N, C-alpha and C. Protein backbone atom coordinates (compact mmCIF):
# COMPACT_ATOMS: atom_id res chain seq x y z
N MET A 1 -25.54 83.17 -78.89
CA MET A 1 -25.54 81.74 -79.07
C MET A 1 -26.78 81.29 -79.83
N LEU A 2 -27.97 81.74 -79.43
CA LEU A 2 -29.19 81.27 -80.08
C LEU A 2 -29.28 81.64 -81.55
N PRO A 3 -28.92 82.86 -81.94
CA PRO A 3 -28.96 83.15 -83.38
C PRO A 3 -28.06 82.22 -84.19
N ARG A 4 -26.87 81.93 -83.69
CA ARG A 4 -25.95 81.02 -84.40
C ARG A 4 -26.56 79.63 -84.52
N LEU A 5 -27.10 79.12 -83.42
CA LEU A 5 -27.68 77.78 -83.46
C LEU A 5 -28.94 77.75 -84.31
N GLY A 6 -29.72 78.82 -84.28
CA GLY A 6 -30.91 78.89 -85.13
C GLY A 6 -30.55 78.82 -86.60
N GLU A 7 -29.49 79.51 -86.98
CA GLU A 7 -29.02 79.47 -88.37
C GLU A 7 -28.43 78.09 -88.70
N LYS A 8 -27.63 77.56 -87.81
CA LYS A 8 -26.97 76.28 -88.05
C LYS A 8 -27.99 75.16 -88.25
N PHE A 9 -29.04 75.14 -87.42
CA PHE A 9 -30.02 74.06 -87.48
C PHE A 9 -31.28 74.45 -88.25
N ASP A 10 -31.32 75.66 -88.77
CA ASP A 10 -32.46 76.16 -89.53
C ASP A 10 -33.76 76.01 -88.74
N VAL A 11 -33.75 76.51 -87.51
CA VAL A 11 -34.94 76.49 -86.66
C VAL A 11 -35.24 77.90 -86.17
N PRO A 12 -36.52 78.25 -86.08
CA PRO A 12 -36.87 79.56 -85.55
C PRO A 12 -36.69 79.56 -84.02
N PHE A 13 -36.43 80.72 -83.47
CA PHE A 13 -36.31 80.84 -82.02
C PHE A 13 -36.88 82.18 -81.60
N GLU A 14 -37.26 82.26 -80.35
CA GLU A 14 -37.80 83.50 -79.80
C GLU A 14 -37.11 83.76 -78.47
N VAL A 15 -36.63 84.97 -78.30
CA VAL A 15 -36.00 85.37 -77.05
C VAL A 15 -36.96 86.31 -76.34
N ILE A 16 -37.26 86.00 -75.09
CA ILE A 16 -38.14 86.83 -74.28
C ILE A 16 -37.32 87.34 -73.11
N THR A 17 -37.28 88.65 -72.96
CA THR A 17 -36.56 89.23 -71.83
C THR A 17 -37.49 90.16 -71.08
N LYS A 18 -37.35 90.14 -69.78
CA LYS A 18 -38.12 90.99 -68.89
C LYS A 18 -37.19 91.46 -67.78
N PRO A 19 -37.56 92.52 -67.10
CA PRO A 19 -36.77 92.92 -65.94
C PRO A 19 -36.83 91.81 -64.87
N ARG A 20 -35.76 91.68 -64.11
CA ARG A 20 -35.65 90.62 -63.10
C ARG A 20 -36.87 90.59 -62.17
N HIS A 21 -37.37 91.74 -61.75
CA HIS A 21 -38.49 91.75 -60.80
C HIS A 21 -39.75 91.12 -61.40
N GLU A 22 -39.92 91.17 -62.72
CA GLU A 22 -41.08 90.53 -63.34
C GLU A 22 -40.96 89.00 -63.27
N TYR A 23 -39.75 88.48 -63.47
CA TYR A 23 -39.55 87.04 -63.38
C TYR A 23 -39.74 86.54 -61.94
N GLN A 24 -39.55 87.41 -60.97
CA GLN A 24 -39.66 87.03 -59.58
C GLN A 24 -41.06 87.29 -59.01
N SER A 25 -41.97 87.78 -59.84
CA SER A 25 -43.31 88.12 -59.36
C SER A 25 -44.21 86.90 -59.24
N LEU A 26 -45.26 87.03 -58.43
CA LEU A 26 -46.25 85.97 -58.30
C LEU A 26 -47.01 85.76 -59.61
N ALA A 27 -47.24 86.85 -60.34
CA ALA A 27 -47.95 86.75 -61.62
C ALA A 27 -47.17 85.87 -62.59
N TYR A 28 -45.85 86.01 -62.63
CA TYR A 28 -45.03 85.17 -63.50
C TYR A 28 -45.08 83.72 -63.04
N ALA A 29 -44.99 83.50 -61.74
CA ALA A 29 -45.04 82.14 -61.21
C ALA A 29 -46.37 81.47 -61.57
N ASP A 30 -47.45 82.22 -61.59
CA ASP A 30 -48.76 81.68 -61.93
C ASP A 30 -48.84 81.23 -63.39
N LEU A 31 -47.96 81.72 -64.25
CA LEU A 31 -47.97 81.33 -65.65
C LEU A 31 -47.47 79.90 -65.85
N GLY A 32 -46.74 79.38 -64.88
CA GLY A 32 -46.20 78.02 -64.99
C GLY A 32 -45.00 77.92 -65.90
N LEU A 33 -44.38 79.04 -66.20
CA LEU A 33 -43.18 79.05 -67.04
C LEU A 33 -41.95 78.81 -66.19
N PRO A 34 -40.85 78.37 -66.81
CA PRO A 34 -39.63 78.08 -66.04
C PRO A 34 -38.96 79.34 -65.51
N LYS A 35 -38.11 79.13 -64.50
CA LYS A 35 -37.32 80.23 -63.94
C LYS A 35 -36.31 80.69 -64.97
N ALA A 36 -36.08 81.98 -65.03
CA ALA A 36 -35.10 82.54 -65.97
C ALA A 36 -33.70 82.42 -65.37
N PRO A 37 -32.67 82.25 -66.15
CA PRO A 37 -32.71 82.02 -67.58
C PRO A 37 -33.18 80.60 -67.87
N ALA A 38 -33.84 80.44 -68.99
CA ALA A 38 -34.36 79.12 -69.36
C ALA A 38 -34.37 78.97 -70.88
N ILE A 39 -34.33 77.73 -71.31
CA ILE A 39 -34.48 77.41 -72.72
C ILE A 39 -35.52 76.31 -72.82
N MET A 40 -36.50 76.54 -73.68
CA MET A 40 -37.54 75.56 -73.92
C MET A 40 -37.53 75.19 -75.39
N ILE A 41 -37.81 73.93 -75.68
CA ILE A 41 -38.03 73.49 -77.05
C ILE A 41 -39.46 72.96 -77.06
N GLY A 42 -40.33 73.69 -77.74
CA GLY A 42 -41.75 73.38 -77.66
C GLY A 42 -42.20 73.62 -76.23
N SER A 43 -42.81 72.65 -75.62
CA SER A 43 -43.25 72.79 -74.23
C SER A 43 -42.28 72.14 -73.25
N GLU A 44 -41.19 71.58 -73.76
CA GLU A 44 -40.20 70.92 -72.90
C GLU A 44 -39.15 71.91 -72.42
N VAL A 45 -38.94 71.95 -71.11
CA VAL A 45 -37.91 72.80 -70.52
C VAL A 45 -36.58 72.06 -70.62
N ILE A 46 -35.63 72.64 -71.34
CA ILE A 46 -34.31 72.04 -71.50
C ILE A 46 -33.41 72.40 -70.33
N VAL A 47 -33.45 73.66 -69.94
CA VAL A 47 -32.66 74.13 -68.80
C VAL A 47 -33.38 75.32 -68.20
N GLU A 48 -33.35 75.43 -66.87
CA GLU A 48 -33.93 76.61 -66.22
C GLU A 48 -33.11 77.00 -65.00
N GLY A 49 -33.04 78.29 -64.79
CA GLY A 49 -32.35 78.81 -63.62
C GLY A 49 -30.84 78.75 -63.69
N ARG A 50 -30.29 78.41 -64.84
CA ARG A 50 -28.83 78.37 -65.00
C ARG A 50 -28.51 78.52 -66.49
N ASP A 51 -27.25 78.72 -66.77
CA ASP A 51 -26.79 78.81 -68.15
C ASP A 51 -26.51 77.41 -68.68
N ILE A 52 -26.35 77.30 -69.99
CA ILE A 52 -26.02 76.04 -70.63
C ILE A 52 -24.93 76.32 -71.65
N GLU A 53 -24.01 75.38 -71.78
CA GLU A 53 -22.94 75.53 -72.77
C GLU A 53 -23.51 75.37 -74.17
N GLU A 54 -22.97 76.12 -75.12
CA GLU A 54 -23.45 76.06 -76.49
C GLU A 54 -23.33 74.65 -77.07
N GLN A 55 -22.25 73.95 -76.77
CA GLN A 55 -22.05 72.61 -77.30
C GLN A 55 -23.14 71.65 -76.77
N GLU A 56 -23.49 71.79 -75.51
CA GLU A 56 -24.52 70.93 -74.92
C GLU A 56 -25.87 71.19 -75.58
N LEU A 57 -26.21 72.45 -75.80
CA LEU A 57 -27.47 72.79 -76.46
C LEU A 57 -27.46 72.31 -77.90
N ALA A 58 -26.34 72.41 -78.59
CA ALA A 58 -26.24 71.94 -79.96
C ALA A 58 -26.49 70.43 -80.02
N LYS A 59 -25.97 69.67 -79.07
CA LYS A 59 -26.21 68.22 -79.03
C LYS A 59 -27.69 67.92 -78.84
N ILE A 60 -28.33 68.67 -77.94
CA ILE A 60 -29.76 68.47 -77.69
C ILE A 60 -30.56 68.77 -78.94
N LEU A 61 -30.24 69.87 -79.61
CA LEU A 61 -30.95 70.22 -80.85
C LEU A 61 -30.74 69.16 -81.92
N SER A 62 -29.53 68.66 -82.05
CA SER A 62 -29.25 67.62 -83.04
C SER A 62 -30.09 66.37 -82.78
N ARG A 63 -30.13 65.95 -81.52
CA ARG A 63 -30.93 64.76 -81.18
C ARG A 63 -32.42 64.99 -81.45
N ARG A 64 -32.91 66.18 -81.08
CA ARG A 64 -34.34 66.47 -81.28
C ARG A 64 -34.69 66.50 -82.76
N LEU A 65 -33.84 67.12 -83.57
CA LEU A 65 -34.13 67.22 -84.99
C LEU A 65 -33.98 65.88 -85.70
N ALA A 66 -33.09 65.04 -85.22
CA ALA A 66 -32.92 63.71 -85.82
C ALA A 66 -34.14 62.83 -85.54
N GLY A 67 -34.83 63.11 -84.44
CA GLY A 67 -35.99 62.33 -84.06
C GLY A 67 -37.26 62.73 -84.80
N LYS A 68 -37.21 63.79 -85.60
CA LYS A 68 -38.40 64.23 -86.34
C LYS A 68 -38.68 63.35 -87.51
């Protein structure tokens, strides 16, 4: 989903994956990052701890890019 949306909206994206136990560690919690799975745009957390439909994320990206 992210590669398609990145191409469609011409925005860079980064996917970070770690083993589940790393996301559940105290060290990860200390970073202040959202629970996985998560999507952030800049420093704003769009969704965390659940999946999001591609259409919903596309709407959010459209609104964010229109506001630039």
